[in-house]
N, C-alpha and C. Protein backbone atom coordinates (compact mmCIF):
# COMPACT_ATOMS: atom_id res chain seq x y z
N LEU A 1 -39.94 -7.13 -42.09
CA LEU A 1 -39.25 -6.00 -41.83
C LEU A 1 -39.57 -5.81 -40.23
N GLU A 2 -40.53 -6.27 -39.61
CA GLU A 2 -40.86 -6.48 -38.21
C GLU A 2 -39.58 -7.06 -37.60
N LYS A 3 -39.37 -8.04 -38.03
CA LYS A 3 -38.27 -9.38 -37.57
C LYS A 3 -36.99 -8.54 -37.77
N LEU A 4 -36.63 -7.50 -38.73
CA LEU A 4 -35.56 -6.96 -38.88
C LEU A 4 -35.38 -5.52 -37.71
N ALA A 5 -36.41 -5.17 -37.61
CA ALA A 5 -36.33 -4.12 -36.53
C ALA A 5 -35.89 -4.57 -35.12
N HIS A 6 -36.68 -5.84 -34.54
CA HIS A 6 -36.09 -6.51 -33.55
C HIS A 6 -34.66 -6.91 -33.79
N SER A 7 -34.21 -7.45 -34.87
CA SER A 7 -32.65 -7.62 -35.02
C SER A 7 -31.89 -6.82 -34.87
N TYR A 8 -32.14 -5.46 -35.44
CA TYR A 8 -31.43 -4.41 -35.07
C TYR A 8 -31.12 -3.83 -34.05
N ALA A 9 -32.03 -3.98 -33.16
CA ALA A 9 -32.12 -3.51 -31.78
C ALA A 9 -31.52 -4.69 -31.00
N LEU A 10 -31.65 -5.62 -31.37
CA LEU A 10 -30.92 -6.92 -30.43
C LEU A 10 -29.58 -6.82 -30.57
N ALA A 11 -29.10 -6.73 -31.93
CA ALA A 11 -27.70 -6.63 -32.27
C ALA A 11 -27.07 -5.42 -31.72
N GLN A 12 -27.60 -4.30 -31.62
CA GLN A 12 -26.96 -3.11 -30.92
C GLN A 12 -26.90 -3.48 -29.51
N SER A 13 -27.72 -4.03 -28.90
CA SER A 13 -27.83 -4.39 -27.48
C SER A 13 -26.59 -5.23 -27.28
N VAL A 14 -26.78 -6.32 -28.00
CA VAL A 14 -25.25 -7.27 -27.80
C VAL A 14 -23.97 -6.72 -28.23
N ARG A 15 -23.80 -5.77 -29.30
CA ARG A 15 -22.56 -4.96 -29.32
C ARG A 15 -22.18 -4.14 -28.07
N LEU A 16 -23.36 -3.72 -27.71
CA LEU A 16 -23.33 -2.82 -26.36
C LEU A 16 -22.59 -3.50 -25.26
N GLY A 17 -23.06 -4.71 -25.21
CA GLY A 17 -23.00 -5.67 -24.06
C GLY A 17 -21.46 -5.93 -24.16
N GLY A 18 -20.88 -5.97 -25.38
CA GLY A 18 -19.42 -6.39 -25.42
C GLY A 18 -18.46 -5.23 -25.06
N PHE A 19 -19.05 -3.78 -25.37
CA PHE A 19 -18.33 -2.82 -24.97
C PHE A 19 -18.51 -2.59 -23.31
N GLU A 20 -19.56 -2.87 -22.78
CA GLU A 20 -19.78 -2.90 -21.62
C GLU A 20 -18.80 -3.79 -20.52
N LEU A 21 -18.70 -5.08 -21.23
CA LEU A 21 -17.63 -5.78 -20.68
C LEU A 21 -16.03 -5.26 -20.68
N VAL A 22 -15.66 -4.79 -22.01
CA VAL A 22 -14.40 -4.15 -21.76
C VAL A 22 -14.44 -3.06 -21.06
N VAL A 23 -15.25 -2.15 -20.63
CA VAL A 23 -15.17 -1.13 -19.69
C VAL A 23 -15.09 -1.55 -18.31
N GLU A 24 -15.89 -2.56 -17.80
CA GLU A 24 -15.83 -3.25 -16.75
C GLU A 24 -14.46 -3.83 -16.55
N ARG A 25 -13.90 -4.61 -17.78
CA ARG A 25 -12.35 -4.83 -17.57
C ARG A 25 -11.60 -3.83 -17.06
N SER A 26 -11.51 -2.70 -17.92
CA SER A 26 -10.78 -1.37 -17.70
C SER A 26 -10.85 -0.87 -16.40
N ILE A 27 -12.19 -1.03 -15.71
CA ILE A 27 -12.54 -0.44 -14.34
C ILE A 27 -11.68 -1.35 -13.35
N ALA A 28 -11.95 -2.54 -13.53
CA ALA A 28 -11.13 -3.78 -12.48
C ALA A 28 -9.70 -3.67 -12.86
N ASP A 29 -9.11 -3.27 -13.93
CA ASP A 29 -7.63 -3.13 -14.03
C ASP A 29 -7.44 -1.89 -13.40
N THR A 30 -8.13 -0.73 -13.27
CA THR A 30 -7.95 0.22 -12.79
C THR A 30 -8.14 0.79 -11.24
N ARG A 31 -8.79 -0.30 -10.66
CA ARG A 31 -9.39 -0.12 -9.40
C ARG A 31 -8.26 0.07 -8.46
N SER A 32 -7.41 -0.55 -8.55
CA SER A 32 -6.18 -0.31 -7.50
C SER A 32 -5.48 1.11 -7.58
N ILE A 33 -5.67 1.57 -8.72
CA ILE A 33 -4.99 3.23 -9.02
C ILE A 33 -5.39 4.03 -7.88
N PRO A 34 -6.74 4.45 -7.82
CA PRO A 34 -7.10 5.38 -6.72
C PRO A 34 -6.51 4.92 -5.27
N GLU A 35 -6.97 3.69 -4.90
CA GLU A 35 -6.56 3.14 -3.78
C GLU A 35 -4.96 3.28 -3.34
N THR A 36 -3.99 3.10 -4.26
CA THR A 36 -2.49 3.28 -4.08
C THR A 36 -2.27 4.71 -3.94
N LEU A 37 -2.83 5.42 -4.73
CA LEU A 37 -2.89 6.92 -4.66
C LEU A 37 -3.09 7.62 -3.37
N ALA A 38 -4.42 7.01 -2.81
CA ALA A 38 -4.83 7.48 -1.68
C ALA A 38 -3.85 6.98 -0.55
N GLU A 39 -3.35 5.57 -0.34
CA GLU A 39 -2.37 5.19 0.40
C GLU A 39 -1.22 5.58 0.50
N THR A 40 -0.31 5.63 -0.63
CA THR A 40 0.86 6.39 -0.87
C THR A 40 1.32 7.58 -1.53
N GLY A 41 0.40 8.13 -1.96
CA GLY A 41 0.43 9.31 -2.43
C GLY A 41 1.03 9.52 -3.97
N GLU A 42 1.46 8.13 -4.58
CA GLU A 42 1.80 8.46 -5.74
C GLU A 42 1.51 6.95 -6.40
N VAL A 43 1.71 6.82 -7.63
CA VAL A 43 1.42 5.50 -8.45
C VAL A 43 2.61 5.17 -9.18
N LYS A 44 3.00 4.05 -9.18
CA LYS A 44 4.07 3.42 -10.01
C LYS A 44 3.63 3.07 -11.26
N LEU A 45 3.56 4.24 -12.18
CA LEU A 45 3.09 3.67 -13.67
C LEU A 45 3.95 4.44 -14.66
N GLU A 46 4.62 3.88 -15.54
CA GLU A 46 5.35 4.32 -16.28
C GLU A 46 4.57 5.36 -17.47
N ALA A 47 5.30 6.38 -18.07
CA ALA A 47 4.44 7.27 -18.85
C ALA A 47 4.12 6.19 -20.07
N ARG A 48 4.87 5.47 -20.62
CA ARG A 48 4.40 4.58 -21.78
C ARG A 48 3.17 3.83 -21.49
N GLU A 49 3.39 3.11 -20.30
CA GLU A 49 2.13 2.34 -19.85
C GLU A 49 0.78 3.16 -19.66
N LEU A 50 1.16 4.35 -19.01
CA LEU A 50 -0.04 5.31 -19.27
C LEU A 50 -0.58 5.70 -20.57
N SER A 51 0.27 5.85 -21.30
CA SER A 51 -0.08 6.10 -22.57
C SER A 51 -0.81 5.32 -23.46
N ARG A 52 -0.56 4.22 -23.27
CA ARG A 52 -0.92 2.97 -23.83
C ARG A 52 -2.37 2.71 -23.19
N GLN A 53 -2.65 2.81 -21.81
CA GLN A 53 -3.72 2.46 -21.69
C GLN A 53 -4.70 3.68 -21.78
N MET A 54 -4.27 5.11 -22.07
CA MET A 54 -4.99 5.98 -22.38
C MET A 54 -5.56 6.06 -23.93
N GLY A 55 -4.62 5.27 -24.77
CA GLY A 55 -5.04 5.16 -26.04
C GLY A 55 -5.98 4.01 -26.12
N GLU A 56 -6.14 3.13 -25.54
CA GLU A 56 -6.93 1.94 -25.34
C GLU A 56 -8.22 2.62 -25.33
N LEU A 57 -8.61 3.56 -23.97
CA LEU A 57 -9.53 4.07 -23.46
C LEU A 57 -10.14 5.21 -24.81
N LEU A 58 -9.37 5.77 -25.40
CA LEU A 58 -9.83 6.53 -26.35
C LEU A 58 -10.47 5.96 -27.60
N MET A 59 -9.73 4.54 -28.00
CA MET A 59 -10.16 3.82 -28.91
C MET A 59 -11.59 3.26 -28.42
N LEU A 60 -11.66 2.97 -27.46
CA LEU A 60 -13.01 2.52 -26.91
C LEU A 60 -14.20 3.48 -27.12
N ARG A 61 -13.67 4.69 -26.52
CA ARG A 61 -14.82 5.94 -26.64
C ARG A 61 -15.07 6.04 -28.20
N CYS A 62 -13.97 5.92 -29.12
CA CYS A 62 -14.43 6.11 -30.60
C CYS A 62 -15.33 5.23 -30.88
N ASP A 63 -14.89 3.87 -30.50
CA ASP A 63 -15.73 2.63 -31.22
C ASP A 63 -17.28 2.83 -30.66
N VAL A 64 -17.43 3.21 -29.49
CA VAL A 64 -18.73 3.34 -28.89
C VAL A 64 -19.60 4.53 -29.42
N ASN A 65 -18.99 5.69 -29.61
CA ASN A 65 -19.78 6.81 -30.04
C ASN A 65 -19.36 7.34 -31.70
N LEU A 66 -18.46 6.74 -32.31
CA LEU A 66 -18.37 7.22 -33.65
C LEU A 66 -18.15 6.09 -35.00
N HIS A 67 -17.61 4.99 -34.11
CA HIS A 67 -17.37 3.79 -35.43
C HIS A 67 -18.60 2.64 -35.43
N THR A 68 -19.63 2.70 -34.36
CA THR A 68 -20.48 1.72 -34.46
C THR A 68 -21.83 2.28 -34.71
N ASP A 69 -23.02 1.75 -34.98
CA ASP A 69 -24.37 2.21 -35.21
C ASP A 69 -25.15 2.08 -33.90
N ILE A 70 -24.52 1.99 -32.68
CA ILE A 70 -25.37 2.05 -31.77
C ILE A 70 -26.13 3.27 -31.44
N LEU A 71 -25.66 4.12 -31.87
CA LEU A 71 -26.39 5.64 -31.55
C LEU A 71 -27.43 5.80 -32.58
N ASP A 72 -27.27 5.19 -33.68
CA ASP A 72 -27.91 5.56 -35.03
C ASP A 72 -29.15 4.88 -35.11
N THR A 73 -30.23 5.12 -35.98
CA THR A 73 -31.37 4.34 -36.34
C THR A 73 -31.18 3.94 -37.80
N PRO A 74 -31.03 2.56 -37.99
CA PRO A 74 -30.59 2.32 -39.50
C PRO A 74 -31.34 2.93 -40.35
N ASP A 75 -30.58 3.26 -41.71
CA ASP A 75 -31.46 3.96 -42.91
C ASP A 75 -32.66 3.48 -43.25
N ILE A 76 -32.98 2.14 -43.09
CA ILE A 76 -34.07 1.41 -43.86
C ILE A 76 -35.28 1.81 -43.01
N PHE A 77 -35.08 2.38 -41.84
CA PHE A 77 -36.24 2.55 -40.80
C PHE A 77 -36.82 4.04 -40.99
N TRP A 78 -36.01 4.78 -41.67
CA TRP A 78 -36.55 5.97 -42.22
C TRP A 78 -37.30 6.01 -43.26
N ASP A 79 -37.22 5.03 -44.17
CA ASP A 79 -38.28 4.66 -45.30
C ASP A 79 -39.22 4.15 -44.65
N GLU A 80 -39.05 3.21 -43.92
CA GLU A 80 -40.40 2.74 -43.27
C GLU A 80 -41.00 2.84 -41.89
N GLU A 81 -41.65 4.10 -41.71
CA GLU A 81 -41.78 4.48 -40.68
C GLU A 81 -42.58 3.79 -39.39
N ARG A 82 -43.54 2.82 -39.93
CA ARG A 82 -44.19 1.79 -38.93
C ARG A 82 -43.36 0.96 -38.50
N PHE A 83 -42.19 0.48 -39.11
CA PHE A 83 -40.93 -0.17 -38.65
C PHE A 83 -40.31 0.41 -37.46
N GLU A 84 -40.15 1.38 -37.63
CA GLU A 84 -39.14 2.32 -36.93
C GLU A 84 -39.71 2.45 -35.67
N LYS A 85 -40.91 2.63 -35.40
CA LYS A 85 -41.61 2.53 -34.09
C LYS A 85 -41.41 1.33 -33.36
N ILE A 86 -41.41 0.23 -34.40
CA ILE A 86 -41.23 -1.25 -33.66
C ILE A 86 -39.48 -1.17 -33.01
N TYR A 87 -38.71 -0.68 -34.11
CA TYR A 87 -37.28 -0.70 -33.53
C TYR A 87 -36.93 0.16 -32.51
N VAL A 88 -37.60 1.37 -32.42
CA VAL A 88 -37.47 2.26 -31.05
C VAL A 88 -37.62 1.61 -29.89
N ALA A 89 -38.89 1.10 -29.91
CA ALA A 89 -39.68 0.39 -28.84
C ALA A 89 -38.71 -0.84 -28.11
N CYS A 90 -38.12 -1.63 -29.29
CA CYS A 90 -37.39 -2.68 -28.84
C CYS A 90 -36.02 -1.95 -28.28
N ARG A 91 -35.50 -0.99 -28.79
CA ARG A 91 -34.54 -0.20 -28.30
C ARG A 91 -34.88 0.16 -26.91
N THR A 92 -35.88 0.93 -26.75
CA THR A 92 -36.29 1.47 -25.38
C THR A 92 -36.51 0.20 -24.52
N TYR A 93 -37.07 -0.80 -24.76
CA TYR A 93 -37.01 -2.03 -23.91
C TYR A 93 -35.89 -2.49 -23.42
N LEU A 94 -34.70 -2.42 -24.20
CA LEU A 94 -33.45 -3.05 -24.22
C LEU A 94 -32.75 -2.08 -23.27
N ASP A 95 -33.42 -0.66 -23.12
CA ASP A 95 -32.43 0.17 -22.35
C ASP A 95 -31.14 0.77 -23.12
N ILE A 96 -31.21 0.50 -24.40
CA ILE A 96 -29.87 1.15 -25.21
C ILE A 96 -29.31 2.42 -24.80
N ASP A 97 -30.41 3.39 -24.85
CA ASP A 97 -29.87 4.90 -24.81
C ASP A 97 -29.38 4.95 -23.17
N LYS A 98 -30.09 4.37 -22.28
CA LYS A 98 -29.51 4.28 -21.00
C LYS A 98 -28.24 3.73 -20.92
N ARG A 99 -28.17 2.81 -21.40
CA ARG A 99 -26.85 2.03 -21.20
C ARG A 99 -25.43 2.88 -21.74
N VAL A 100 -25.93 3.24 -22.95
CA VAL A 100 -24.96 4.11 -23.61
C VAL A 100 -24.37 5.22 -22.86
N ASP A 101 -25.70 5.80 -22.12
CA ASP A 101 -25.16 7.01 -21.32
C ASP A 101 -24.44 6.54 -19.99
N ILE A 102 -24.71 5.52 -19.54
CA ILE A 102 -23.77 5.02 -18.33
C ILE A 102 -22.65 4.40 -19.03
N LEU A 103 -22.57 3.60 -19.85
CA LEU A 103 -21.30 3.67 -20.59
C LEU A 103 -20.21 4.70 -20.41
N ASN A 104 -20.78 5.77 -21.24
CA ASN A 104 -20.18 7.03 -21.51
C ASN A 104 -19.63 7.69 -20.04
N GLN A 105 -20.66 7.57 -19.21
CA GLN A 105 -20.32 8.02 -17.68
C GLN A 105 -19.23 7.35 -17.17
N ARG A 106 -19.09 6.02 -17.31
CA ARG A 106 -17.99 5.58 -17.19
C ARG A 106 -16.45 5.69 -17.79
N LEU A 107 -16.72 5.80 -19.01
CA LEU A 107 -15.43 6.41 -19.52
C LEU A 107 -15.10 7.55 -19.32
N VAL A 108 -15.86 8.76 -18.96
CA VAL A 108 -15.51 10.05 -18.50
C VAL A 108 -14.81 9.72 -17.08
N VAL A 109 -15.19 8.92 -16.06
CA VAL A 109 -14.43 8.64 -14.92
C VAL A 109 -13.15 8.07 -15.33
N LEU A 110 -13.04 7.16 -16.13
CA LEU A 110 -11.58 6.56 -16.53
C LEU A 110 -10.95 7.56 -17.10
N LYS A 111 -11.54 8.56 -18.11
CA LYS A 111 -10.53 9.50 -18.72
C LYS A 111 -10.09 10.40 -17.31
N ASP A 112 -10.96 11.10 -16.60
CA ASP A 112 -10.56 11.80 -15.62
C ASP A 112 -9.53 11.27 -14.85
N LEU A 113 -9.53 9.93 -14.28
CA LEU A 113 -8.46 9.30 -13.73
C LEU A 113 -7.00 9.25 -14.53
N TYR A 114 -7.18 9.06 -15.81
CA TYR A 114 -5.83 8.93 -16.65
C TYR A 114 -5.45 10.53 -16.93
N ASP A 115 -6.16 11.34 -16.61
CA ASP A 115 -5.78 12.65 -16.87
C ASP A 115 -5.00 13.29 -15.88
N LEU A 116 -5.69 12.76 -14.72
CA LEU A 116 -4.78 13.10 -13.25
C LEU A 116 -3.60 12.59 -13.30
N LEU A 117 -3.25 11.17 -13.72
CA LEU A 117 -2.31 10.56 -13.82
C LEU A 117 -1.37 11.09 -14.63
N GLN A 118 -1.74 11.78 -15.80
CA GLN A 118 -0.77 12.15 -16.82
C GLN A 118 -0.45 13.36 -16.15
N ASN A 119 -1.02 14.28 -15.54
CA ASN A 119 -0.84 15.62 -14.95
C ASN A 119 0.45 15.24 -13.96
N SER A 120 0.36 14.38 -13.07
CA SER A 120 1.16 14.06 -12.14
C SER A 120 2.48 13.60 -12.81
N LEU A 121 2.51 12.76 -13.74
CA LEU A 121 3.81 12.69 -14.57
C LEU A 121 3.99 13.71 -15.14
N ASN A 122 3.48 14.71 -15.79
CA ASN A 122 4.11 15.92 -16.33
C ASN A 122 4.61 16.81 -15.22
N VAL A 123 4.03 16.99 -14.11
CA VAL A 123 4.60 17.90 -12.86
C VAL A 123 6.11 17.02 -12.41
N LYS A 124 6.16 15.70 -12.63
CA LYS A 124 7.34 14.85 -11.93
C LYS A 124 8.45 15.30 -13.18
N HIS A 125 7.95 15.07 -14.22
CA HIS A 125 9.11 15.43 -15.41
C HIS A 125 9.54 16.95 -15.22
N GLY A 126 8.77 17.83 -14.98
CA GLY A 126 8.94 19.51 -15.16
C GLY A 126 10.03 19.62 -13.99
N THR A 127 9.53 18.90 -12.78
CA THR A 127 10.56 19.12 -11.57
C THR A 127 11.67 18.37 -11.74
N LYS A 128 11.97 17.22 -12.62
CA LYS A 128 13.20 16.68 -12.75
C LYS A 128 14.02 17.73 -14.07
N LEU A 129 13.37 18.36 -14.83
CA LEU A 129 13.85 19.22 -15.74
C LEU A 129 14.46 20.43 -14.85
N GLU A 130 13.73 20.84 -13.90
CA GLU A 130 14.05 21.93 -12.87
C GLU A 130 15.23 22.03 -12.46
N TRP A 131 15.34 20.59 -11.47
CA TRP A 131 16.62 20.21 -11.08
C TRP A 131 17.91 20.30 -12.12
N ILE A 132 17.59 19.69 -13.01
CA ILE A 132 18.81 19.81 -14.13
C ILE A 132 19.08 20.96 -14.48
N VAL A 133 18.26 21.61 -14.68
CA VAL A 133 18.73 23.14 -14.72
C VAL A 133 19.44 23.98 -13.80
N ILE A 134 19.02 23.63 -12.63
CA ILE A 134 19.62 24.05 -11.35
C ILE A 134 21.09 23.53 -11.38
N ILE A 135 21.21 22.35 -11.43
CA ILE A 135 22.66 21.69 -11.46
C ILE A 135 23.48 22.13 -12.62
N LEU A 136 22.88 22.41 -13.60
CA LEU A 136 23.96 22.97 -14.74
C LEU A 136 24.23 24.42 -14.31
N ILE A 137 23.34 25.23 -13.85
CA ILE A 137 23.55 26.40 -13.68
C ILE A 137 24.85 26.21 -12.38
N LEU A 138 24.80 25.60 -11.50
CA LEU A 138 25.46 25.32 -10.20
C LEU A 138 26.79 25.06 -10.92
N VAL A 139 27.10 24.04 -11.62
CA VAL A 139 28.16 23.67 -12.34
C VAL A 139 28.81 24.90 -13.12
N GLU A 140 28.16 25.64 -13.74
CA GLU A 140 28.62 26.71 -14.54
C GLU A 140 29.27 27.92 -13.52
N VAL A 141 28.59 28.17 -12.19
CA VAL A 141 29.17 29.13 -11.35
C VAL A 141 30.30 28.57 -10.66
N VAL A 142 30.50 27.14 -10.62
CA VAL A 142 31.79 26.62 -10.02
C VAL A 142 32.75 26.58 -11.05
N LEU A 143 32.53 26.38 -12.31
CA LEU A 143 33.30 26.64 -13.10
C LEU A 143 33.86 27.97 -13.24
N GLU A 144 32.98 29.04 -13.56
CA GLU A 144 33.58 30.38 -13.47
C GLU A 144 34.33 30.59 -12.27
N ILE A 145 34.26 30.14 -10.75
CA ILE A 145 35.04 30.53 -9.68
C ILE A 145 36.20 29.84 -9.95
N ILE A 146 36.16 28.78 -10.26
CA ILE A 146 37.52 28.02 -10.56
C ILE A 146 38.46 28.82 -11.65
N GLN A 147 37.71 29.27 -12.81
CA GLN A 147 38.28 29.98 -13.56
C GLN A 147 39.17 31.19 -13.24
N LEU A 148 38.08 31.91 -12.18
CA LEU A 148 38.69 33.02 -11.69
C LEU A 148 39.80 33.18 -10.73
N TYR A 149 39.85 31.90 -9.95
CA TYR A 149 40.82 31.51 -9.05
C TYR A 149 42.21 31.44 -9.66
N PHE A 150 42.03 30.38 -10.81
CA PHE A 150 43.29 30.15 -11.24
C PHE A 150 43.56 30.81 -12.47
N THR A 151 43.08 31.90 -12.99
CA THR A 151 43.51 33.06 -13.85
C THR A 151 44.13 33.82 -13.29
N PRO A 152 45.79 34.30 -13.72
CA PRO A 152 46.31 35.34 -13.13
C PRO A 152 45.60 36.42 -13.46
N ALA A 153 45.91 37.62 -12.48
CA ALA A 153 45.32 38.74 -12.57
C ALA A 153 46.14 39.64 -13.41
N GLY A 154 45.40 40.40 -14.09
CA GLY A 154 46.37 41.54 -14.87
C GLY A 154 46.27 41.27 -16.41
């Protein structure tokens, strides 16, 4: 069971390493977004693409925090407390808890970036809708003026 304790901790570390690589790729993919936003004041990202990227981020957050056993102590070590100490020591040596915290902090930063972009798209869409309403009101006013001008009095 001692080897099993080491194996569980190593497996969790390897799994966490995979998540770290995915997050690093996501960070690299989005690195240009804040730079472009700072330079031009806007980002050319379609709503569908933004939603897709936000979905990927949410899936990753769920995988790290909900769907894997990275945060959990395997059940077998609850019964065998002497091996749980070995397991915990190995996790500590591999900095698993610190790495999970750092990973979650990076995911929060990415989420904040996507939230900012989503809000920007919502404001653009709202402005567009406001202009449509203004134009429709203007058309209605013009039609009323035309009707009053061409309708005989009386």
